[in-house]
Amino acid sequence: MSEKVVIENVELILSHPDEIETRWIGSPLIRDQLLAAWLVVDRDDLPLNPRLIGKPGIGKTTLAYAVAREMGKQVYIFQCTMDTRPEDLIVTPVVAANGQIAYHASSLTTAMIQGGVCILDEANRMSEKAWASLAPLLDYRRYVESIVAGIKLKAHPEFRVCCTMNEDASTYEVPEYIQSRLQPTIEVPFPDKRQEKRILKFNVPFSPDQLLELTVNFLQRAHRHDMPYTPRDGIHILRYTLKMAGLRKQPPEVFLEEGIEGVLGPEGLDCFQGRSTPPPTARPAPDFEPLDEDEPDTGENPEDETNPPWA
């Protein structure tokens, strides 16, 4: 049964918090940065509204959720899209069974009322119109106004919010007046090998060690060359590979290449096989005439008797 509250004589039906079994395994420095942003150090202080940036699947939402639960707070995740409207963010009117209008509080509004944490997931997919409705919430005023319900909702002192933002082409530019309110910016980097192995082991505990090691080595090589493959991709690769092995009754390592291609496509398989990955610090190729077949290779540049510029 959904919980209800009455605000300014309007009854609101609250959303349920999200319950996810997860924990943060990445950098403790990143965790501390988020904790510091949400910390209040004086009665006149206010929490900050951080934004977490990084590649899709790097663990931004996991980080925010794990830190919020560590603080003992209920967590509400709002999935943002390009179609998100102001009323979706705040209060949505719904026709109830008796024909009356029922007002449903969003995940964000419920977190505001309950003193929980709201994660605006993939927030830079929202349009400027949606962001405008949140401007007073993200500064010292800490309230939102619902036009459809005709009420103003003030945030609980324990309310916290953060935004996750992906770096891809399918997002909007966040307005400057909103960017100035979403501070600090916390970048979630690729995990190191030890962290990544623990992440994959936590999410796919039934994976054999050899398969786990092969997958982690592939991901680490991809990270070094800044390829967009993340722990989420590794989890999918492991699961798909293990399912193929279970179906065909063969060792899972046999199907690793098939799993990589199925999840990441031909480009991922090329990366695994070393066909498309340049060296991390590739030097420009020297510009010189090819040697004649009968001329010995002395290793010297005929135009410069000193060391060549690419040496």
C-alpha atoms as a PDB file:
ATOM      1  CA  MET A   1       0.000   0.000   0.000  1.00  0.00           C
ATOM      2  CA  SER A   2       1.433   3.354  -1.021  1.00  0.00           C
ATOM      3  CA  GLU A   3       2.035   5.940   1.669  1.00  0.00           C
ATOM      4  CA  LYS A   4       0.120   9.213   1.432  1.00  0.00           C
ATOM      5  CA  VAL A   5       0.751  12.697   2.784  1.00  0.00           C
ATOM      6  CA  VAL A   6      -1.306  15.896   2.715  1.00  0.00           C
ATOM      7  CA  ILE A   7       0.430  19.130   1.748  1.00  0.00           C
ATOM      8  CA  GLU A   8      -1.527  22.396   1.495  1.00  0.00           C
ATOM      9  CA  ASN A   9      -4.775  20.382   1.543  1.00  0.00           C
ATOM     10  CA  VAL A  10      -3.675  18.246  -1.404  1.00  0.00           C
ATOM     11  CA  GLU A  11      -3.194  14.515  -0.884  1.00  0.00           C
ATOM     12  CA  LEU A  12      -0.074  13.085  -2.495  1.00  0.00           C
ATOM     13  CA  ILE A  13       0.596   9.397  -3.124  1.00  0.00           C
ATOM     14  CA  LEU A  14       4.291   8.776  -2.505  1.00  0.00           C
ATOM     15  CA  SER A  15       6.644   6.628  -4.550  1.00  0.00           C
ATOM     16  CA  HIS A  16       8.450   3.598  -3.208  1.00  0.00           C
ATOM     17  CA  PRO A  17      12.217   3.720  -2.560  1.00  0.00           C
ATOM     18  CA  ASP A  18      14.528   1.614  -4.701  1.00  0.00           C
ATOM     19  CA  GLU A  19      15.975  -1.523  -3.116  1.00  0.00           C
ATOM     20  CA  ILE A  20      19.119  -2.739  -4.867  1.00  0.00           C
ATOM     21  CA  GLU A  21      21.699  -5.236  -3.661  1.00  0.00           C
ATOM     22  CA  THR A  22      24.951  -3.525  -4.558  1.00  0.00           C
ATOM     23  CA  ARG A  23      28.021  -1.899  -3.062  1.00  0.00           C
ATOM     24  CA  TRP A  24      30.794   0.411  -4.226  1.00  0.00           C
ATOM     25  CA  ILE A  25      34.010  -1.427  -5.047  1.00  0.00           C
ATOM     26  CA  GLY A  26      35.853   1.338  -6.901  1.00  0.00           C
ATOM     27  CA  SER A  27      38.112   4.145  -5.742  1.00  0.00           C
ATOM     28  CA  PRO A  28      37.624   5.208  -2.090  1.00  0.00           C
ATOM     29  CA  LEU A  29      38.676   8.727  -3.106  1.00  0.00           C
ATOM     30  CA  ILE A  30      35.619   9.051  -5.356  1.00  0.00           C
ATOM     31  CA  ARG A  31      33.412   7.791  -2.538  1.00  0.00           C
ATOM     32  CA  ASP A  32      34.857  10.384  -0.139  1.00  0.00           C
ATOM     33  CA  GLN A  33      34.303  13.170  -2.672  1.00  0.00           C
ATOM     34  CA  LEU A  34      30.605  12.335  -2.874  1.00  0.00           C
ATOM     35  CA  LEU A  35      30.283  11.999   0.906  1.00  0.00           C
ATOM     36  CA  ALA A  36      31.926  15.399   1.355  1.00  0.00           C
ATOM     37  CA  ALA A  37      29.545  17.011  -1.137  1.00  0.00           C
ATOM     38  CA  TRP A  38      26.540  15.771   0.854  1.00  0.00           C
ATOM     39  CA  LEU A  39      28.016  16.612   4.249  1.00  0.00           C
ATOM     40  CA  VAL A  40      26.618  19.493   6.326  1.00  0.00           C
ATOM     41  CA  VAL A  41      29.255  21.029   8.619  1.00  0.00           C
ATOM     42  CA  ASP A  42      27.221  23.785  10.275  1.00  0.00           C
ATOM     43  CA  ARG A  43      23.595  24.573  11.046  1.00  0.00           C
ATOM     44  CA  ASP A  44      23.752  27.315   8.387  1.00  0.00           C
ATOM     45  CA  ASP A  45      25.391  25.025   5.833  1.00  0.00           C
ATOM     46  CA  LEU A  46      23.585  23.352   2.946  1.00  0.00           C
ATOM     47  CA  PRO A  47      24.458  20.117   1.110  1.00  0.00           C
ATOM     48  CA  LEU A  48      25.845  20.411  -2.407  1.00  0.00           C
ATOM     49  CA  ASN A  49      24.239  18.891  -5.493  1.00  0.00           C
ATOM     50  CA  PRO A  50      27.040  16.930  -7.172  1.00  0.00           C
ATOM     51  CA  ARG A  51      27.033  15.612 -10.697  1.00  0.00           C
ATOM     52  CA  LEU A  52      28.762  12.338 -11.501  1.00  0.00           C
ATOM     53  CA  ILE A  53      30.225  12.079 -14.980  1.00  0.00           C
ATOM     54  CA  GLY A  54      31.808   9.186 -16.831  1.00  0.00           C
ATOM     55  CA  LYS A  55      31.233   6.630 -19.532  1.00  0.00           C
ATOM     56  CA  PRO A  56      27.964   4.634 -19.554  1.00  0.00           C
ATOM     57  CA  GLY A  57      28.348   1.540 -17.361  1.00  0.00           C
ATOM     58  CA  ILE A  58      31.288   2.886 -15.338  1.00  0.00           C
ATOM     59  CA  GLY A  59      29.338   2.724 -12.034  1.00  0.00           C
ATOM     60  CA  LYS A  60      28.004   6.254 -11.421  1.00  0.00           C
ATOM     61  CA  THR A  61      24.568   5.177 -10.214  1.00  0.00           C
ATOM     62  CA  THR A  62      26.080   2.360  -8.156  1.00  0.00           C
ATOM     63  CA  LEU A  63      28.390   4.860  -6.450  1.00  0.00           C
ATOM     64  CA  ALA A  64      25.560   7.260  -5.580  1.00  0.00           C
ATOM     65  CA  TYR A  65      23.274   4.482  -4.361  1.00  0.00           C
ATOM     66  CA  ALA A  66      25.962   2.807  -2.229  1.00  0.00           C
ATOM     67  CA  VAL A  67      27.042   6.078  -0.583  1.00  0.00           C
ATOM     68  CA  ALA A  68      23.431   7.052   0.148  1.00  0.00           C
ATOM     69  CA  ARG A  69      22.733   3.690   1.776  1.00  0.00           C
ATOM     70  CA  GLU A  70      25.957   4.011   3.740  1.00  0.00           C
ATOM     71  CA  MET A  71      24.537   7.268   5.116  1.00  0.00           C
ATOM     72  CA  GLY A  72      21.421   5.359   6.204  1.00  0.00           C
ATOM     73  CA  LYS A  73      19.094   7.032   3.715  1.00  0.00           C
ATOM     74  CA  GLN A  74      16.338   5.715   1.491  1.00  0.00           C
ATOM     75  CA  VAL A  75      17.203   6.070  -2.188  1.00  0.00           C
ATOM     76  CA  TYR A  76      14.892   7.082  -5.014  1.00  0.00           C
ATOM     77  CA  ILE A  77      16.121   6.801  -8.597  1.00  0.00           C
ATOM     78  CA  PHE A  78      14.484   8.914 -11.296  1.00  0.00           C
ATOM     79  CA  GLN A  79      15.313   7.857 -14.857  1.00  0.00           C
ATOM     80  CA  CYS A  80      15.536  10.994 -16.982  1.00  0.00           C
ATOM     81  CA  THR A  81      14.711  11.015 -20.695  1.00  0.00           C
ATOM     82  CA  MET A  82      14.361  13.606 -23.431  1.00  0.00           C
ATOM     83  CA  ASP A  83      10.568  13.377 -22.918  1.00  0.00           C
ATOM     84  CA  THR A  84      10.685  14.164 -19.186  1.00  0.00           C
ATOM     85  CA  ARG A  85       8.239  16.968 -18.381  1.00  0.00           C
ATOM     86  CA  PRO A  86       8.184  19.245 -15.318  1.00  0.00           C
ATOM     87  CA  GLU A  87       5.131  17.430 -13.975  1.00  0.00           C
ATOM     88  CA  ASP A  88       6.936  14.093 -14.357  1.00  0.00           C
ATOM     89  CA  LEU A  89       9.676  15.443 -12.112  1.00  0.00           C
ATOM     90  CA  ILE A  90       7.328  16.787  -9.448  1.00  0.00           C
ATOM     91  CA  VAL A  91       3.654  15.700  -9.295  1.00  0.00           C
ATOM     92  CA  THR A  92       1.652  13.784 -11.901  1.00  0.00           C
ATOM     93  CA  PRO A  93      -2.182  13.811 -11.964  1.00  0.00           C
ATOM     94  CA  VAL A  94      -3.764  10.396 -12.549  1.00  0.00           C
ATOM     95  CA  VAL A  95      -7.445   9.461 -12.934  1.00  0.00           C
ATOM     96  CA  ALA A  96      -8.234   7.065 -10.076  1.00  0.00           C
ATOM     97  CA  ALA A  97     -10.731   4.171 -10.132  1.00  0.00           C
ATOM     98  CA  ASN A  98     -13.474   6.349  -8.668  1.00  0.00           C
ATOM     99  CA  GLY A  99     -13.044   8.927 -11.412  1.00  0.00           C
ATOM    100  CA  GLN A 100     -11.316  11.413  -9.117  1.00  0.00           C
ATOM    101  CA  ILE A 101      -7.926  12.955  -9.772  1.00  0.00           C
ATOM    102  CA  ALA A 102      -5.139  11.413  -7.711  1.00  0.00           C
ATOM    103  CA  TYR A 103      -1.809  13.185  -7.397  1.00  0.00           C
ATOM    104  CA  HIS A 104       1.294  10.975  -7.502  1.00  0.00           C
ATOM    105  CA  ALA A 105       4.536  12.359  -6.152  1.00  0.00           C
ATOM    106  CA  SER A 106       7.571  11.536  -8.265  1.00  0.00           C
ATOM    107  CA  SER A 107      10.669   9.794  -6.924  1.00  0.00           C
ATOM    108  CA  LEU A 108      12.298  13.216  -6.583  1.00  0.00           C
ATOM    109  CA  THR A 109       9.375  14.760  -4.706  1.00  0.00           C
ATOM    110  CA  THR A 110       9.064  11.732  -2.434  1.00  0.00           C
ATOM    111  CA  ALA A 111      12.758  11.963  -1.534  1.00  0.00           C
ATOM    112  CA  MET A 112      12.255  15.669  -0.770  1.00  0.00           C
ATOM    113  CA  ILE A 113       9.355  14.917   1.567  1.00  0.00           C
ATOM    114  CA  GLN A 114      10.923  11.885   3.243  1.00  0.00           C
ATOM    115  CA  GLY A 115      14.432  13.256   3.626  1.00  0.00           C
ATOM    116  CA  GLY A 116      15.909  10.649   1.316  1.00  0.00           C
ATOM    117  CA  VAL A 117      18.340  10.762  -1.582  1.00  0.00           C
ATOM    118  CA  CYS A 118      17.233  11.209  -5.177  1.00  0.00           C
ATOM    119  CA  ILE A 119      19.485  10.146  -8.033  1.00  0.00           C
ATOM    120  CA  LEU A 120      18.576  11.879 -11.289  1.00  0.00           C
ATOM    121  CA  ASP A 121      19.952   9.204 -13.589  1.00  0.00           C
ATOM    122  CA  GLU A 122      21.241  10.306 -17.005  1.00  0.00           C
ATOM    123  CA  ALA A 123      20.075  13.810 -16.158  1.00  0.00           C
ATOM    124  CA  ASN A 124      21.605  15.460 -19.209  1.00  0.00           C
ATOM    125  CA  ARG A 125      19.006  13.738 -21.368  1.00  0.00           C
ATOM    126  CA  MET A 126      16.408  16.214 -20.053  1.00  0.00           C
ATOM    127  CA  SER A 127      15.397  19.344 -21.930  1.00  0.00           C
ATOM    128  CA  GLU A 128      15.864  22.895 -20.635  1.00  0.00           C
ATOM    129  CA  LYS A 129      12.163  23.139 -19.756  1.00  0.00           C
ATOM    130  CA  ALA A 130      12.459  20.216 -17.337  1.00  0.00           C
ATOM    131  CA  TRP A 131      15.615  21.651 -15.770  1.00  0.00           C
ATOM    132  CA  ALA A 132      13.946  25.039 -15.234  1.00  0.00           C
ATOM    133  CA  SER A 133      11.413  23.510 -12.853  1.00  0.00           C
ATOM    134  CA  LEU A 134      14.273  22.332 -10.607  1.00  0.00           C
ATOM    135  CA  ALA A 135      16.178  25.624 -10.390  1.00  0.00           C
ATOM    136  CA  PRO A 136      14.793  26.685  -6.968  1.00  0.00           C
ATOM    137  CA  LEU A 137      15.390  23.204  -5.544  1.00  0.00           C
ATOM    138  CA  LEU A 138      19.071  23.270  -6.487  1.00  0.00           C
ATOM    139  CA  ASP A 139      19.917  26.545  -4.741  1.00  0.00           C
ATOM    140  CA  TYR A 140      19.379  27.949  -1.236  1.00  0.00           C
ATOM    141  CA  ARG A 141      15.574  27.989  -1.667  1.00  0.00           C
ATOM    142  CA  ARG A 142      15.281  24.177  -1.804  1.00  0.00           C
ATOM    143  CA  TYR A 143      11.704  23.938  -3.008  1.00  0.00           C
ATOM    144  CA  VAL A 144       9.716  23.049  -6.124  1.00  0.00           C
ATOM    145  CA  GLU A 145       6.310  24.199  -7.297  1.00  0.00           C
ATOM    146  CA  SER A 146       3.708  21.913  -8.819  1.00  0.00           C
ATOM    147  CA  ILE A 147       1.518  23.762 -11.292  1.00  0.00           C
ATOM    148  CA  VAL A 148      -0.853  20.811 -11.762  1.00  0.00           C
ATOM    149  CA  ALA A 149      -1.431  20.349  -8.009  1.00  0.00           C
ATOM    150  CA  GLY A 150      -1.158  24.041  -7.138  1.00  0.00           C
ATOM    151  CA  ILE A 151       1.260  23.515  -4.231  1.00  0.00           C
ATOM    152  CA  LYS A 152       4.786  24.400  -3.192  1.00  0.00           C
ATOM    153  CA  LEU A 153       6.912  21.621  -1.707  1.00  0.00           C
ATOM    154  CA  LYS A 154       9.893  22.403   0.511  1.00  0.00           C
ATOM    155  CA  ALA A 155      12.719  19.910   0.834  1.00  0.00           C
ATOM    156  CA  HIS A 156      13.364  18.106   4.112  1.00  0.00           C
ATOM    157  CA  PRO A 157      16.677  19.193   5.732  1.00  0.00           C
ATOM    158  CA  GLU A 158      18.024  15.655   5.229  1.00  0.00           C
ATOM    159  CA  PHE A 159      17.183  15.604   1.510  1.00  0.00           C
ATOM    160  CA  ARG A 160      20.097  15.029  -0.848  1.00  0.00           C
ATOM    161  CA  VAL A 161      20.248  14.917  -4.645  1.00  0.00           C
ATOM    162  CA  CYS A 162      22.828  14.139  -7.284  1.00  0.00           C
ATOM    163  CA  CYS A 163      22.830  13.761 -11.046  1.00  0.00           C
ATOM    164  CA  THR A 164      24.580  11.187 -13.188  1.00  0.00           C
ATOM    165  CA  MET A 165      25.570  12.249 -16.678  1.00  0.00           C
ATOM    166  CA  ASN A 166      26.834  10.162 -19.553  1.00  0.00           C
ATOM    167  CA  GLU A 167      29.316  11.347 -22.135  1.00  0.00           C
ATOM    168  CA  ASP A 168      27.651  10.536 -25.438  1.00  0.00           C
ATOM    169  CA  ALA A 169      25.994  12.248 -28.386  1.00  0.00           C
ATOM    170  CA  SER A 170      22.402  11.497 -27.338  1.00  0.00           C
ATOM    171  CA  THR A 171      22.323  14.137 -24.592  1.00  0.00           C
ATOM    172  CA  TYR A 172      21.376  17.796 -24.240  1.00  0.00           C
ATOM    173  CA  GLU A 173      23.645  20.622 -23.215  1.00  0.00           C
ATOM    174  CA  VAL A 174      22.825  21.432 -19.587  1.00  0.00           C
ATOM    175  CA  PRO A 175      21.922  25.142 -19.190  1.00  0.00           C
ATOM    176  CA  GLU A 176      24.634  27.244 -17.539  1.00  0.00           C
ATOM    177  CA  TYR A 177      22.339  28.402 -14.725  1.00  0.00           C
ATOM    178  CA  ILE A 178      21.764  24.735 -13.873  1.00  0.00           C
ATOM    179  CA  GLN A 179      25.425  23.754 -14.237  1.00  0.00           C
ATOM    180  CA  SER A 180      26.347  26.401 -11.671  1.00  0.00           C
ATOM    181  CA  ARG A 181      23.949  24.698  -9.224  1.00  0.00           C
ATOM    182  CA  LEU A 182      25.246  21.161  -9.888  1.00  0.00           C
ATOM    183  CA  GLN A 183      28.543  21.248  -8.048  1.00  0.00           C
ATOM    184  CA  PRO A 184      31.002  19.700  -7.580  1.00  0.00           C
ATOM    185  CA  THR A 185      31.675  17.665 -10.695  1.00  0.00           C
ATOM    186  CA  ILE A 186      32.968  14.201  -9.777  1.00  0.00           C
ATOM    187  CA  GLU A 187      34.464  12.130 -12.571  1.00  0.00           C
ATOM    188  CA  VAL A 188      34.216   8.364 -12.166  1.00  0.00           C
ATOM    189  CA  PRO A 189      37.297   6.815 -13.835  1.00  0.00           C
ATOM    190  CA  PHE A 190      37.940   3.299 -15.065  1.00  0.00           C
ATOM    191  CA  PRO A 191      38.732   0.915 -12.184  1.00  0.00           C
ATOM    192  CA  ASP A 192      42.162  -0.606 -11.821  1.00  0.00           C
ATOM    193  CA  LYS A 193      42.672  -4.328 -12.390  1.00  0.00           C
ATOM    194  CA  ARG A 194      42.129  -5.381  -8.781  1.00  0.00           C
ATOM    195  CA  GLN A 195      38.964  -3.304  -8.451  1.00  0.00           C
ATOM    196  CA  GLU A 196      37.581  -4.468 -11.776  1.00  0.00           C
ATOM    197  CA  LYS A 197      38.127  -8.120 -10.889  1.00  0.00           C
ATOM    198  CA  ARG A 198      36.276  -7.614  -7.603  1.00  0.00           C
ATOM    199  CA  ILE A 199      33.423  -5.859  -9.442  1.00  0.00           C
ATOM    200  CA  LEU A 200      33.010  -8.714 -11.905  1.00  0.00           C
ATOM    201  CA  LYS A 201      33.316 -11.320  -9.142  1.00  0.00           C
ATOM    202  CA  PHE A 202      30.659  -9.546  -7.066  1.00  0.00           C
ATOM    203  CA  ASN A 203      28.196  -9.425  -9.969  1.00  0.00           C
ATOM    204  CA  VAL A 204      29.003 -12.851 -11.469  1.00  0.00           C
ATOM    205  CA  PRO A 205      30.180 -14.890  -8.455  1.00  0.00           C
ATOM    206  CA  PHE A 206      29.747 -18.184 -10.316  1.00  0.00           C
ATOM    207  CA  SER A 207      32.306 -17.275 -13.000  1.00  0.00           C
ATOM    208  CA  PRO A 208      35.436 -19.503 -13.141  1.00  0.00           C
ATOM    209  CA  ASP A 209      38.668 -17.729 -12.202  1.00  0.00           C
ATOM    210  CA  GLN A 210      40.314 -18.313 -15.581  1.00  0.00           C
ATOM    211  CA  LEU A 211      37.399 -16.771 -17.476  1.00  0.00           C
ATOM    212  CA  LEU A 212      37.338 -13.890 -14.998  1.00  0.00           C
ATOM    213  CA  GLU A 213      41.047 -13.238 -15.488  1.00  0.00           C
ATOM    214  CA  LEU A 214      40.772 -13.282 -19.287  1.00  0.00           C
ATOM    215  CA  THR A 215      37.866 -10.829 -19.221  1.00  0.00           C
ATOM    216  CA  VAL A 216      39.571  -8.461 -16.787  1.00  0.00           C
ATOM    217  CA  ASN A 217      42.775  -8.461 -18.853  1.00  0.00           C
ATOM    218  CA  PHE A 218      40.774  -7.597 -21.963  1.00  0.00           C
ATOM    219  CA  LEU A 219      38.957  -4.723 -20.212  1.00  0.00           C
ATOM    220  CA  GLN A 220      42.175  -3.333 -18.741  1.00  0.00           C
ATOM    221  CA  ARG A 221      43.800  -3.305 -22.175  1.00  0.00           C
ATOM    222  CA  ALA A 222      40.751  -1.495 -23.550  1.00  0.00           C
ATOM    223  CA  HIS A 223      40.908   1.072 -20.714  1.00  0.00           C
ATOM    224  CA  ARG A 224      44.543   1.839 -21.464  1.00  0.00           C
ATOM    225  CA  HIS A 225      43.548   2.825 -24.975  1.00  0.00           C
ATOM    226  CA  ASP A 226      40.477   4.775 -23.810  1.00  0.00           C
ATOM    227  CA  MET A 227      38.043   2.461 -25.542  1.00  0.00           C
ATOM    228  CA  PRO A 228      34.436   2.749 -24.278  1.00  0.00           C
ATOM    229  CA  TYR A 229      34.239  -0.694 -22.655  1.00  0.00           C
ATOM    230  CA  THR A 230      33.227  -0.662 -18.998  1.00  0.00           C
ATOM    231  CA  PRO A 231      32.637  -3.100 -16.121  1.00  0.00           C
ATOM    232  CA  ARG A 232      28.995  -3.375 -17.203  1.00  0.00           C
ATOM    233  CA  ASP A 233      30.195  -4.732 -20.553  1.00  0.00           C
ATOM    234  CA  GLY A 234      32.415  -7.187 -18.697  1.00  0.00           C
ATOM    235  CA  ILE A 235      29.463  -8.434 -16.650  1.00  0.00           C
ATOM    236  CA  HIS A 236      27.406  -8.985 -19.808  1.00  0.00           C
ATOM    237  CA  ILE A 237      30.321 -10.755 -21.520  1.00  0.00           C
ATOM    238  CA  LEU A 238      30.757 -13.128 -18.594  1.00  0.00           C
ATOM    239  CA  ARG A 239      27.064 -13.952 -18.320  1.00  0.00           C
ATOM    240  CA  TYR A 240      26.599 -14.494 -22.048  1.00  0.00           C
ATOM    241  CA  THR A 241      29.737 -16.638 -22.280  1.00  0.00           C
ATOM    242  CA  LEU A 242      28.657 -18.776 -19.331  1.00  0.00           C
ATOM    243  CA  LYS A 243      25.178 -19.236 -20.821  1.00  0.00           C
ATOM    244  CA  MET A 244      26.670 -20.388 -24.127  1.00  0.00           C
ATOM    245  CA  ALA A 245      28.911 -22.807 -22.248  1.00  0.00           C
ATOM    246  CA  GLY A 246      25.965 -24.132 -20.251  1.00  0.00           C
ATOM    247  CA  LEU A 247      23.933 -24.607 -23.418  1.00  0.00           C
ATOM    248  CA  ARG A 248      26.639 -26.450 -25.354  1.00  0.00           C
ATOM    249  CA  LYS A 249      28.215 -28.293 -22.409  1.00  0.00           C
ATOM    250  CA  GLN A 250      31.750 -27.084 -23.129  1.00  0.00           C
ATOM    251  CA  PRO A 251      34.336 -25.051 -21.162  1.00  0.00           C
ATOM    252  CA  PRO A 252      33.317 -21.363 -21.018  1.00  0.00           C
ATOM    253  CA  GLU A 253      36.720 -20.120 -22.260  1.00  0.00           C
ATOM    254  CA  VAL A 254      35.832 -21.635 -25.645  1.00  0.00           C
ATOM    255  CA  PHE A 255      33.015 -19.097 -26.037  1.00  0.00           C
ATOM    256  CA  LEU A 256      34.738 -15.968 -24.728  1.00  0.00           C
ATOM    257  CA  GLU A 257      35.395 -14.527 -28.182  1.00  0.00           C
ATOM    258  CA  GLU A 258      31.799 -15.261 -29.154  1.00  0.00           C
ATOM    259  CA  GLY A 259      30.632 -13.551 -25.963  1.00  0.00           C
ATOM    260  CA  ILE A 260      32.769 -10.464 -26.624  1.00  0.00           C
ATOM    261  CA  GLU A 261      31.520 -10.170 -30.192  1.00  0.00           C
ATOM    262  CA  GLY A 262      27.919 -10.682 -29.084  1.00  0.00           C
ATOM    263  CA  VAL A 263      28.153  -7.873 -26.511  1.00  0.00           C
ATOM    264  CA  LEU A 264      30.583  -5.428 -28.123  1.00  0.00           C
ATOM    265  CA  GLY A 265      30.329  -6.269 -31.806  1.00  0.00           C
ATOM    266  CA  PRO A 266      33.167  -6.884 -34.279  1.00  0.00           C
ATOM    267  CA  GLU A 267      35.132  -3.899 -32.948  1.00  0.00           C
ATOM    268  CA  GLY A 268      35.262  -5.478 -29.500  1.00  0.00           C
ATOM    269  CA  LEU A 269      36.478  -8.772 -30.936  1.00  0.00           C
ATOM    270  CA  ASP A 270      39.169  -6.963 -32.931  1.00  0.00           C
ATOM    271  CA  CYS A 271      40.305  -5.293 -29.718  1.00  0.00           C
ATOM    272  CA  PHE A 272      40.420  -8.640 -27.895  1.00  0.00           C
ATOM    273  CA  GLN A 273      42.467 -10.203 -30.685  1.00  0.00           C
ATOM    274  CA  GLY A 274      44.793  -7.194 -30.851  1.00  0.00           C
ATOM    275  CA  ARG A 275      43.915  -6.284 -34.423  1.00  0.00           C
ATOM    276  CA  SER A 276      42.574  -2.759 -33.860  1.00  0.00           C
ATOM    277  CA  THR A 277      44.317  -1.444 -30.749  1.00  0.00           C
ATOM    278  CA  PRO A 278      47.194   0.988 -31.407  1.00  0.00           C
ATOM    279  CA  PRO A 279      50.021   1.277 -28.894  1.00  0.00           C
ATOM    280  CA  PRO A 280      49.162   3.713 -26.067  1.00  0.00           C
ATOM    281  CA  THR A 281      51.829   6.248 -27.090  1.00  0.00           C
ATOM    282  CA  ALA A 282      52.211   5.654 -30.802  1.00  0.00           C
ATOM    283  CA  ARG A 283      54.959   7.704 -32.426  1.00  0.00           C
ATOM    284  CA  PRO A 284      54.588   9.139 -35.931  1.00  0.00           C
ATOM    285  CA  ALA A 285      56.069   6.966 -38.624  1.00  0.00           C
ATOM    286  CA  PRO A 286      59.372   8.278 -40.006  1.00  0.00           C
ATOM    287  CA  ASP A 287      59.273   9.833 -43.436  1.00  0.00           C
ATOM    288  CA  PHE A 288      62.108   8.396 -45.530  1.00  0.00           C
ATOM    289  CA  GLU A 289      62.698   6.699 -48.828  1.00  0.00           C
ATOM    290  CA  PRO A 290      62.553   2.884 -48.841  1.00  0.00           C
ATOM    291  CA  LEU A 291      65.881   1.108 -49.064  1.00  0.00           C
ATOM    292  CA  ASP A 292      67.023  -0.493 -52.263  1.00  0.00           C
ATOM    293  CA  GLU A 293      66.965  -4.272 -52.148  1.00  0.00           C
ATOM    294  CA  ASP A 294      70.783  -4.418 -52.374  1.00  0.00           C
ATOM    295  CA  GLU A 295      71.453  -1.626 -49.885  1.00  0.00           C
ATOM    296  CA  PRO A 296      72.133  -2.768 -46.305  1.00  0.00           C
ATOM    297  CA  ASP A 297      70.090  -1.302 -43.460  1.00  0.00           C
ATOM    298  CA  THR A 298      72.569   0.643 -41.311  1.00  0.00           C
ATOM    299  CA  GLY A 299      69.907   2.180 -39.096  1.00  0.00           C
ATOM    300  CA  GLU A 300      71.086   5.678 -40.089  1.00  0.00           C
ATOM    301  CA  ASN A 301      69.144   8.491 -41.722  1.00  0.00           C
ATOM    302  CA  PRO A 302      71.034   9.471 -44.894  1.00  0.00           C
ATOM    303  CA  GLU A 303      69.837  13.085 -44.517  1.00  0.00           C
ATOM    304  CA  ASP A 304      70.828  13.423 -40.856  1.00  0.00           C
ATOM    305  CA  GLU A 305      73.844  11.703 -39.375  1.00  0.00           C
ATOM    306  CA  THR A 306      72.621  12.435 -35.854  1.00  0.00           C
ATOM    307  CA  ASN A 307      69.714  10.642 -34.186  1.00  0.00           C
ATOM    308  CA  PRO A 308      66.554  10.850 -36.334  1.00  0.00           C
ATOM    309  CA  PRO A 309      63.646  12.871 -34.814  1.00  0.00           C
ATOM    310  CA  TRP A 310      61.491   9.790 -34.258  1.00  0.00           C
ATOM    311  CA  ALA A 311      64.157   7.834 -32.327  1.00  0.00           C
END
